PDB file of N, CA and C in Angstrom:
ATOM      1  N   MET A   1       7.063  -4.290 -14.505  1.00  0.00           N
ATOM      2  CA  MET A   1       7.169  -3.692 -13.307  1.00  0.00           C
ATOM      3  C   MET A   1       7.225  -4.796 -12.013  1.00  0.00           C
ATOM      4  N   ALA A   2       7.334  -4.764 -11.221  1.00  0.00           N
ATOM      5  CA  ALA A   2       7.421  -5.206  -9.929  1.00  0.00           C
ATOM      6  C   ALA A   2       6.425  -5.787  -9.037  1.00  0.00           C
ATOM      7  N   ARG A   3       5.706  -6.724  -8.302  1.00  0.00           N
ATOM      8  CA  ARG A   3       4.930  -6.326  -7.240  1.00  0.00           C
ATOM      9  C   ARG A   3       5.372  -6.803  -5.804  1.00  0.00           C
ATOM     10  N   TYR A   4       4.587  -6.077  -4.762  1.00  0.00           N
ATOM     11  CA  TYR A   4       5.215  -5.729  -3.600  1.00  0.00           C
ATOM     12  C   TYR A   4       4.202  -5.798  -2.524  1.00  0.00           C
ATOM     13  N   LEU A   5       4.373  -6.605  -1.344  1.00  0.00           N
ATOM     14  CA  LEU A   5       3.044  -6.244  -0.091  1.00  0.00           C
ATOM     15  C   LEU A   5       4.344  -5.548   0.814  1.00  0.00           C
ATOM     16  N   VAL A   6       3.394  -4.652   1.103  1.00  0.00           N
ATOM     17  CA  VAL A   6       3.984  -3.926   1.897  1.00  0.00           C
ATOM     18  C   VAL A   6       3.295  -3.907   3.517  1.00  0.00           C
ATOM     19  N   GLU A   7       3.870  -4.001   4.564  1.00  0.00           N
ATOM     20  CA  GLU A   7       3.306  -4.181   6.024  1.00  0.00           C
ATOM     21  C   GLU A   7       3.325  -2.888   6.521  1.00  0.00           C
ATOM     22  N   ARG A   8       2.427  -2.394   6.937  1.00  0.00           N
ATOM     23  CA  ARG A   8       2.322  -1.298   7.820  1.00  0.00           C
ATOM     24  C   ARG A   8       2.066  -1.233   9.554  1.00  0.00           C
ATOM     25  N   THR A   9       2.245  -0.705  10.285  1.00  0.00           N
ATOM     26  CA  THR A   9       1.500  -0.673  11.683  1.00  0.00           C
ATOM     27  C   THR A   9       1.559   0.865  12.008  1.00  0.00           C
ATOM     28  N   PHE A  10      -0.103   1.016  12.163  1.00  0.00           N
ATOM     29  CA  PHE A  10      -0.775   2.142  12.783  1.00  0.00           C
ATOM     30  C   PHE A  10      -0.838   2.293  14.223  1.00  0.00           C
ATOM     31  N   PRO A  11      -0.135   2.330  15.164  1.00  0.00           N
ATOM     32  CA  PRO A  11      -0.471   2.005  16.375  1.00  0.00           C
ATOM     33  C   PRO A  11      -1.832   2.591  17.036  1.00  0.00           C
ATOM     34  N   ASP A  12      -2.332   3.764  16.628  1.00  0.00           N
ATOM     35  CA  ASP A  12      -3.323   3.777  17.089  1.00  0.00           C
ATOM     36  C   ASP A  12      -4.700   3.958  16.065  1.00  0.00           C
ATOM     37  N   GLY A  13      -4.435   3.158  15.123  1.00  0.00           N
ATOM     38  CA  GLY A  13      -5.123   2.467  14.276  1.00  0.00           C
ATOM     39  C   GLY A  13      -5.521   3.628  12.672  1.00  0.00           C
ATOM     40  N   LEU A  14      -5.803   2.855  12.095  1.00  0.00           N
ATOM     41  CA  LEU A  14      -5.956   3.541  10.801  1.00  0.00           C
ATOM     42  C   LEU A  14      -6.884   4.158  10.479  1.00  0.00           C
ATOM     43  N   GLY A  15      -7.191   5.669  10.032  1.00  0.00           N
ATOM     44  CA  GLY A  15      -8.661   6.333  10.380  1.00  0.00           C
ATOM     45  C   GLY A  15      -8.519   7.075   9.150  1.00  0.00           C
ATOM     46  N   ILE A  16      -9.653   6.085   8.145  1.00  0.00           N
ATOM     47  CA  ILE A  16      -9.478   6.630   6.883  1.00  0.00           C
ATOM     48  C   ILE A  16     -11.190   6.579   7.253  1.00  0.00           C
ATOM     49  N   PRO A  17     -11.730   7.702   6.941  1.00  0.00           N
ATOM     50  CA  PRO A  17     -13.231   7.615   6.951  1.00  0.00           C
ATOM     51  C   PRO A  17     -13.996   6.738   5.662  1.00  0.00           C
ATOM     52  N   ALA A  18     -15.293   6.536   5.750  1.00  0.00           N
ATOM     53  CA  ALA A  18     -15.492   6.338   4.392  1.00  0.00           C
ATOM     54  C   ALA A  18     -16.523   7.535   3.850  1.00  0.00           C
ATOM     55  N   ASN A  19     -15.931   8.274   3.417  1.00  0.00           N
ATOM     56  CA  ASN A  19     -16.394   9.405   2.983  1.00  0.00           C
ATOM     57  C   ASN A  19     -15.352  10.254   1.952  1.00  0.00           C
ATOM     58  N   ALA A  20     -16.063  11.954   1.648  1.00  0.00           N
ATOM     59  CA  ALA A  20     -15.361  11.958   1.126  1.00  0.00           C
ATOM     60  C   ALA A  20     -13.933  12.543   1.356  1.00  0.00           C
ATOM     61  N   GLU A  21     -13.999  12.986   2.771  1.00  0.00           N
ATOM     62  CA  GLU A  21     -12.604  13.289   3.281  1.00  0.00           C
ATOM     63  C   GLU A  21     -11.564  12.093   3.067  1.00  0.00           C
ATOM     64  N   GLY A  22     -12.172  10.906   3.368  1.00  0.00           N
ATOM     65  CA  GLY A  22     -11.492   9.388   2.966  1.00  0.00           C
ATOM     66  C   GLY A  22     -10.782   9.344   1.515  1.00  0.00           C
ATOM     67  N   SER A  23     -11.862   9.551   0.858  1.00  0.00           N
ATOM     68  CA  SER A  23     -11.814   9.500  -0.674  1.00  0.00           C
ATOM     69  C   SER A  23     -10.451  10.470  -1.284  1.00  0.00           C
ATOM     70  N   ALA A  24     -10.513  11.851  -0.516  1.00  0.00           N
ATOM     71  CA  ALA A  24      -9.233  12.954  -0.350  1.00  0.00           C
ATOM     72  C   ALA A  24      -7.884  11.955  -0.280  1.00  0.00           C
ATOM     73  N   THR A  25      -8.125  11.716   1.208  1.00  0.00           N
ATOM     74  CA  THR A  25      -6.992  10.980   1.531  1.00  0.00           C
ATOM     75  C   THR A  25      -6.554   9.527   0.757  1.00  0.00           C
ATOM     76  N   CYS A  26      -7.256   8.736  -0.146  1.00  0.00           N
ATOM     77  CA  CYS A  26      -6.223   8.031  -0.681  1.00  0.00           C
ATOM     78  C   CYS A  26      -6.202   8.346  -2.025  1.00  0.00           C
ATOM     79  N   MET A  27      -6.886   9.245  -2.409  1.00  0.00           N
ATOM     80  CA  MET A  27      -6.333  10.140  -4.111  1.00  0.00           C
ATOM     81  C   MET A  27      -4.939  10.882  -3.734  1.00  0.00           C
ATOM     82  N   GLY A  28      -4.947  11.416  -2.489  1.00  0.00           N
ATOM     83  CA  GLY A  28      -3.546  12.034  -2.128  1.00  0.00           C
ATOM     84  C   GLY A  28      -2.297  11.272  -2.381  1.00  0.00           C
ATOM     85  N   VAL A  29      -2.480   9.591  -1.615  1.00  0.00           N
ATOM     86  CA  VAL A  29      -1.791   9.013  -1.520  1.00  0.00           C
ATOM     87  C   VAL A  29      -1.430   8.560  -3.119  1.00  0.00           C
ATOM     88  N   VAL A  30      -2.569   8.518  -3.726  1.00  0.00           N
ATOM     89  CA  VAL A  30      -1.835   8.181  -5.085  1.00  0.00           C
ATOM     90  C   VAL A  30      -1.297   8.373  -6.049  1.00  0.00           C
ATOM     91  N   ASP A  31      -1.576   9.931  -6.203  1.00  0.00           N
ATOM     92  CA  ASP A  31      -0.838  11.217  -6.359  1.00  0.00           C
ATOM     93  C   ASP A  31       0.520  11.220  -6.142  1.00  0.00           C
ATOM     94  N   GLY A  32       0.697  11.221  -4.435  1.00  0.00           N
ATOM     95  CA  GLY A  32       1.839  11.066  -4.082  1.00  0.00           C
ATOM     96  C   GLY A  32       3.139   9.842  -4.555  1.00  0.00           C
ATOM     97  N   ASN A  33       2.462   8.626  -5.017  1.00  0.00           N
ATOM     98  CA  ASN A  33       3.169   7.641  -4.849  1.00  0.00           C
ATOM     99  C   ASN A  33       3.631   7.643  -6.744  1.00  0.00           C
ATOM    100  N   SER A  34       2.914   8.438  -7.392  1.00  0.00           N
ATOM    101  CA  SER A  34       2.862   8.469  -8.849  1.00  0.00           C
ATOM    102  C   SER A  34       4.566   9.276  -9.449  1.00  0.00           C
ATOM    103  N   ALA A  35       5.025   9.901  -8.574  1.00  0.00           N
ATOM    104  CA  ALA A  35       6.272  10.857  -8.896  1.00  0.00           C
ATOM    105  C   ALA A  35       7.373   9.571  -8.717  1.00  0.00           C
ATOM    106  N   PHE A  36       7.191   8.496  -7.792  1.00  0.00           N
ATOM    107  CA  PHE A  36       7.936   7.486  -7.895  1.00  0.00           C
ATOM    108  C   PHE A  36       7.751   6.307  -8.631  1.00  0.00           C
ATOM    109  N   GLY A  37       6.716   6.472  -9.668  1.00  0.00           N
ATOM    110  CA  GLY A  37       6.553   5.258 -10.359  1.00  0.00           C
ATOM    111  C   GLY A  37       5.590   4.027  -9.706  1.00  0.00           C
ATOM    112  N   VAL A  38       4.983   4.340  -8.716  1.00  0.00           N
ATOM    113  CA  VAL A  38       4.491   3.288  -7.859  1.00  0.00           C
ATOM    114  C   VAL A  38       2.803   3.391  -7.504  1.00  0.00           C
ATOM    115  N   THR A  39       2.363   2.136  -7.863  1.00  0.00           N
ATOM    116  CA  THR A  39       0.962   2.187  -8.073  1.00  0.00           C
ATOM    117  C   THR A  39       0.405   1.191  -7.045  1.00  0.00           C
ATOM    118  N   TRP A  40      -0.628   1.980  -6.265  1.00  0.00           N
ATOM    119  CA  TRP A  40      -1.223   1.002  -5.377  1.00  0.00           C
ATOM    120  C   TRP A  40      -2.190   0.215  -5.430  1.00  0.00           C
ATOM    121  N   VAL A  41      -2.250  -1.052  -5.435  1.00  0.00           N
ATOM    122  CA  VAL A  41      -3.163  -1.826  -6.122  1.00  0.00           C
ATOM    123  C   VAL A  41      -4.307  -2.263  -5.361  1.00  0.00           C
ATOM    124  N   HIS A  42      -4.187  -2.785  -3.536  1.00  0.00           N
ATOM    125  CA  HIS A  42      -5.345  -2.583  -3.077  1.00  0.00           C
ATOM    126  C   HIS A  42      -4.841  -2.773  -1.676  1.00  0.00           C
ATOM    127  N   SER A  43      -5.605  -2.528  -0.693  1.00  0.00           N
ATOM    128  CA  SER A  43      -5.144  -3.276   1.102  1.00  0.00           C
ATOM    129  C   SER A  43      -5.742  -4.311   1.556  1.00  0.00           C
ATOM    130  N   TYR A  44      -4.993  -4.737   2.387  1.00  0.00           N
ATOM    131  CA  TYR A  44      -6.250  -5.454   3.466  1.00  0.00           C
ATOM    132  C   TYR A  44      -5.962  -4.836   4.724  1.00  0.00           C
ATOM    133  N   VAL A  45      -6.995  -4.715   5.777  1.00  0.00           N
ATOM    134  CA  VAL A  45      -6.964  -3.909   7.279  1.00  0.00           C
ATOM    135  C   VAL A  45      -7.216  -4.761   7.914  1.00  0.00           C
ATOM    136  N   GLN A  46      -6.411  -5.248   9.140  1.00  0.00           N
ATOM    137  CA  GLN A  46      -6.945  -5.628  10.181  1.00  0.00           C
ATOM    138  C   GLN A  46      -8.078  -5.242  10.841  1.00  0.00           C
ATOM    139  N   GLU A  47      -8.715  -6.506  11.410  1.00  0.00           N
ATOM    140  CA  GLU A  47      -9.873  -5.982  12.402  1.00  0.00           C
ATOM    141  C   GLU A  47     -10.085  -4.559  13.087  1.00  0.00           C
ATOM    142  N   ASP A  48      -8.899  -5.044  13.946  1.00  0.00           N
ATOM    143  CA  ASP A  48      -8.392  -3.536  14.798  1.00  0.00           C
ATOM    144  C   ASP A  48      -7.959  -2.253  14.311  1.00  0.00           C
ATOM    145  N   LYS A  49      -7.633  -2.271  12.800  1.00  0.00           N
ATOM    146  CA  LYS A  49      -7.071  -0.984  12.121  1.00  0.00           C
ATOM    147  C   LYS A  49      -5.625  -0.673  12.141  1.00  0.00           C
ATOM    148  N   ARG A  50      -4.787  -1.843  13.011  1.00  0.00           N
ATOM    149  CA  ARG A  50      -3.811  -1.261  13.593  1.00  0.00           C
ATOM    150  C   ARG A  50      -2.632  -2.144  12.376  1.00  0.00           C
ATOM    151  N   LYS A  51      -3.001  -3.065  11.703  1.00  0.00           N
ATOM    152  CA  LYS A  51      -1.992  -3.302  10.476  1.00  0.00           C
ATOM    153  C   LYS A  51      -2.747  -3.189   9.227  1.00  0.00           C
ATOM    154  N   THR A  52      -1.671  -2.973   8.316  1.00  0.00           N
ATOM    155  CA  THR A  52      -2.437  -3.479   7.219  1.00  0.00           C
ATOM    156  C   THR A  52      -1.206  -3.659   6.023  1.00  0.00           C
ATOM    157  N   TYR A  53      -1.767  -4.611   5.286  1.00  0.00           N
ATOM    158  CA  TYR A  53      -0.907  -5.237   3.883  1.00  0.00           C
ATOM    159  C   TYR A  53      -1.502  -4.675   3.186  1.00  0.00           C
ATOM    160  N   CYS A  54      -0.602  -3.965   2.184  1.00  0.00           N
ATOM    161  CA  CYS A  54      -0.621  -3.184   1.134  1.00  0.00           C
ATOM    162  C   CYS A  54       0.068  -3.580  -0.095  1.00  0.00           C
ATOM    163  N   VAL A  55      -0.964  -4.152  -1.200  1.00  0.00           N
ATOM    164  CA  VAL A  55       0.028  -4.452  -2.705  1.00  0.00           C
ATOM    165  C   VAL A  55       0.158  -3.042  -3.520  1.00  0.00           C
ATOM    166  N   TYR A  56       1.477  -3.321  -3.921  1.00  0.00           N
ATOM    167  CA  TYR A  56       2.121  -2.251  -4.820  1.00  0.00           C
ATOM    168  C   TYR A  56       2.632  -2.755  -5.688  1.00  0.00           C
ATOM    169  N   ASP A  57       2.556  -2.159  -6.884  1.00  0.00           N
ATOM    170  CA  ASP A  57       3.538  -2.354  -8.116  1.00  0.00           C
ATOM    171  C   ASP A  57       4.331  -1.445  -8.396  1.00  0.00           C
ATOM    172  N   GLY A  58       5.916  -1.792  -8.218  1.00  0.00           N
ATOM    173  CA  GLY A  58       6.747  -0.117  -8.711  1.00  0.00           C
ATOM    174  C   GLY A  58       7.953  -0.835  -8.844  1.00  0.00           C
ATOM    175  N   PRO A  59       8.851  -0.080  -9.470  1.00  0.00           N
ATOM    176  CA  PRO A  59       9.974  -0.409  -9.956  1.00  0.00           C
ATOM    177  C   PRO A  59      11.088  -0.834  -9.140  1.00  0.00           C
ATOM    178  N   ASP A  60      11.027  -0.748  -7.782  1.00  0.00           N
ATOM    179  CA  ASP A  60      11.661  -1.357  -6.637  1.00  0.00           C
ATOM    180  C   ASP A  60      11.369  -1.063  -5.227  1.00  0.00           C
ATOM    181  N   PRO A  61      12.107  -1.564  -4.232  1.00  0.00           N
ATOM    182  CA  PRO A  61      11.683  -1.413  -2.816  1.00  0.00           C
ATOM    183  C   PRO A  61      12.048   0.229  -2.485  1.00  0.00           C
ATOM    184  N   GLU A  62      13.016   0.705  -2.897  1.00  0.00           N
ATOM    185  CA  GLU A  62      13.663   2.031  -3.011  1.00  0.00           C
ATOM    186  C   GLU A  62      12.635   2.923  -3.328  1.00  0.00           C
ATOM    187  N   ALA A  63      11.649   2.773  -4.320  1.00  0.00           N
ATOM    188  CA  ALA A  63      10.678   3.801  -4.728  1.00  0.00           C
ATOM    189  C   ALA A  63       9.766   3.676  -3.778  1.00  0.00           C
ATOM    190  N   ILE A  64       9.454   2.374  -3.356  1.00  0.00           N
ATOM    191  CA  ILE A  64       7.898   2.053  -2.444  1.00  0.00           C
ATOM    192  C   ILE A  64       8.193   3.021  -1.279  1.00  0.00           C
ATOM    193  N   ARG A  65       9.481   2.743  -0.796  1.00  0.00           N
ATOM    194  CA  ARG A  65       9.928   3.833   0.652  1.00  0.00           C
ATOM    195  C   ARG A  65       9.765   5.080   0.442  1.00  0.00           C
ATOM    196  N   ASN A  66      10.419   5.648  -0.674  1.00  0.00           N
ATOM    197  CA  ASN A  66      10.559   6.794  -1.276  1.00  0.00           C
ATOM    198  C   ASN A  66       8.875   7.769  -1.227  1.00  0.00           C
ATOM    199  N   ALA A  67       7.977   6.784  -1.756  1.00  0.00           N
ATOM    200  CA  ALA A  67       6.619   7.036  -1.847  1.00  0.00           C
ATOM    201  C   ALA A  67       5.803   7.193  -0.444  1.00  0.00           C
ATOM    202  N   ALA A  68       6.044   6.309   0.276  1.00  0.00           N
ATOM    203  CA  ALA A  68       5.587   5.858   1.555  1.00  0.00           C
ATOM    204  C   ALA A  68       6.048   7.267   2.462  1.00  0.00           C
ATOM    205  N   GLU A  69       7.433   7.594   2.319  1.00  0.00           N
ATOM    206  CA  GLU A  69       7.891   8.598   3.527  1.00  0.00           C
ATOM    207  C   GLU A  69       7.044   9.940   2.568  1.00  0.00           C
ATOM    208  N   ARG A  70       6.906  10.218   1.556  1.00  0.00           N
ATOM    209  CA  ARG A  70       6.117  11.220   0.720  1.00  0.00           C
ATOM    210  C   ARG A  70       5.040  11.356   1.576  1.00  0.00           C
ATOM    211  N   ASN A  71       4.449  10.275   1.393  1.00  0.00           N
ATOM    212  CA  ASN A  71       2.806   9.894   1.721  1.00  0.00           C
ATOM    213  C   ASN A  71       2.828  10.292   3.148  1.00  0.00           C
ATOM    214  N   GLY A  72       3.273  10.256   4.211  1.00  0.00           N
ATOM    215  CA  GLY A  72       3.720   9.756   5.738  1.00  0.00           C
ATOM    216  C   GLY A  72       2.806   8.956   5.982  1.00  0.00           C
ATOM    217  N   LEU A  73       3.539   7.434   5.300  1.00  0.00           N
ATOM    218  CA  LEU A  73       3.004   6.108   5.779  1.00  0.00           C
ATOM    219  C   LEU A  73       4.013   5.481   6.070  1.00  0.00           C
ATOM    220  N   PRO A  74       3.612   4.680   7.357  1.00  0.00           N
ATOM    221  CA  PRO A  74       4.948   4.086   7.893  1.00  0.00           C
ATOM    222  C   PRO A  74       5.467   2.890   7.060  1.00  0.00           C
ATOM    223  N   VAL A  75       6.190   2.159   7.268  1.00  0.00           N
ATOM    224  CA  VAL A  75       6.528   0.816   6.400  1.00  0.00           C
ATOM    225  C   VAL A  75       7.187  -0.086   7.322  1.00  0.00           C
ATOM    226  N   ASP A  76       6.814  -1.167   7.695  1.00  0.00           N
ATOM    227  CA  ASP A  76       7.500  -2.425   8.331  1.00  0.00           C
ATOM    228  C   ASP A  76       8.158  -3.385   7.813  1.00  0.00           C
ATOM    229  N   ARG A  77       7.455  -3.653   6.262  1.00  0.00           N
ATOM    230  CA  ARG A  77       8.526  -4.519   5.470  1.00  0.00           C
ATOM    231  C   ARG A  77       8.113  -4.208   4.467  1.00  0.00           C
ATOM    232  N   ILE A  78       9.081  -4.666   3.089  1.00  0.00           N
ATOM    233  CA  ILE A  78       8.467  -4.853   1.637  1.00  0.00           C
ATOM    234  C   ILE A  78       9.059  -6.327   1.344  1.00  0.00           C
ATOM    235  N   THR A  79       8.059  -6.918   0.895  1.00  0.00           N
ATOM    236  CA  THR A  79       8.327  -7.907   0.456  1.00  0.00           C
ATOM    237  C   THR A  79       8.079  -8.404  -1.261  1.00  0.00           C
ATOM    238  N   LYS A  80       8.822  -8.380  -1.735  1.00  0.00           N
ATOM    239  CA  LYS A  80       8.620  -8.844  -3.604  1.00  0.00           C
ATOM    240  C   LYS A  80       7.728 -10.038  -3.424  1.00  0.00           C
ATOM    241  N   VAL A  81       6.438 -10.103  -4.077  1.00  0.00           N
ATOM    242  CA  VAL A  81       5.538 -11.300  -4.412  1.00  0.00           C
ATOM    243  C   VAL A  81       5.237 -11.258  -5.973  1.00  0.00           C
ATOM    244  N   ALA A  82       4.825 -12.682  -5.852  1.00  0.00           N
ATOM    245  CA  ALA A  82       4.223 -12.829  -7.330  1.00  0.00           C
ATOM    246  C   ALA A  82       2.817 -13.308  -7.286  1.00  0.00           C
ATOM    247  N   VAL A  83       1.906 -13.068  -8.087  1.00  0.00           N
ATOM    248  CA  VAL A  83       0.346 -13.841  -7.864  1.00  0.00           C
ATOM    249  C   VAL A  83       0.383 -15.326  -8.213  1.00  0.00           C
ATOM    250  N   LEU A  84      -0.202 -15.661  -6.841  1.00  0.00           N
ATOM    251  CA  LEU A  84      -0.624 -17.483  -7.515  1.00  0.00           C
ATOM    252  C   LEU A  84      -2.014 -17.565  -8.125  1.00  0.00           C
ATOM    253  N   ASP A  85      -2.151 -17.508  -8.759  1.00  0.00           N
ATOM    254  CA  ASP A  85      -3.795 -17.727  -9.382  1.00  0.00           C
ATOM    255  C   ASP A  85      -4.351 -19.385  -9.150  1.00  0.00           C
ATOM    256  N   PRO A  86      -5.330 -19.709  -8.603  1.00  0.00           N
ATOM    257  CA  PRO A  86      -5.459 -21.028  -8.111  1.00  0.00           C
ATOM    258  C   PRO A  86      -6.332 -21.877  -9.607  1.00  0.00           C
ATOM    259  N   TYR A  87      -6.728 -20.992 -10.304  1.00  0.00           N
ATOM    260  CA  TYR A  87      -7.332 -21.357 -11.325  1.00  0.00           C
ATOM    261  C   TYR A  87      -6.636 -21.830 -12.378  1.00  0.00           C
ATOM    262  N   PHE A  88      -5.303 -21.175 -12.530  1.00  0.00           N
ATOM    263  CA  PHE A  88      -4.452 -21.095 -13.547  1.00  0.00           C
ATOM    264  C   PHE A  88      -4.088 -22.867 -13.752  1.00  0.00           C
ATOM    265  N   HIS A  89      -4.443 -23.579 -12.361  1.00  0.00           N
ATOM    266  CA  HIS A  89      -4.146 -25.138 -12.614  1.00  0.00           C
ATOM    267  C   HIS A  89      -5.050 -26.016 -13.237  1.00  0.00           C
ATOM    268  N   ARG A  90      -6.248 -25.361 -13.241  1.00  0.00           N
ATOM    269  CA  ARG A  90      -7.308 -26.462 -13.490  1.00  0.00           C
ATOM    270  C   ARG A  90      -7.127 -26.907 -15.322  1.00  0.00           C
TER     271      ARG A  90
END
């Protein structure tokens, strides 16, 4: 499975509350991804909440885009990435 960095822009800011409603929203994304063999690993959110950088595992960029569309999420760019662990070189 390949790893991808997905950049997204939310013009009005990402509005996921830190409560049961927010948890349900996130789990809905996880469920929607599963139909395409895509796994949401984690995300980074800019302070103004208008841009996110999400790490996903999936078979290919097309699957990532299809999952995003199903979940109603924007996609600015998908970049295939690899992990660089700084402690590996010790």
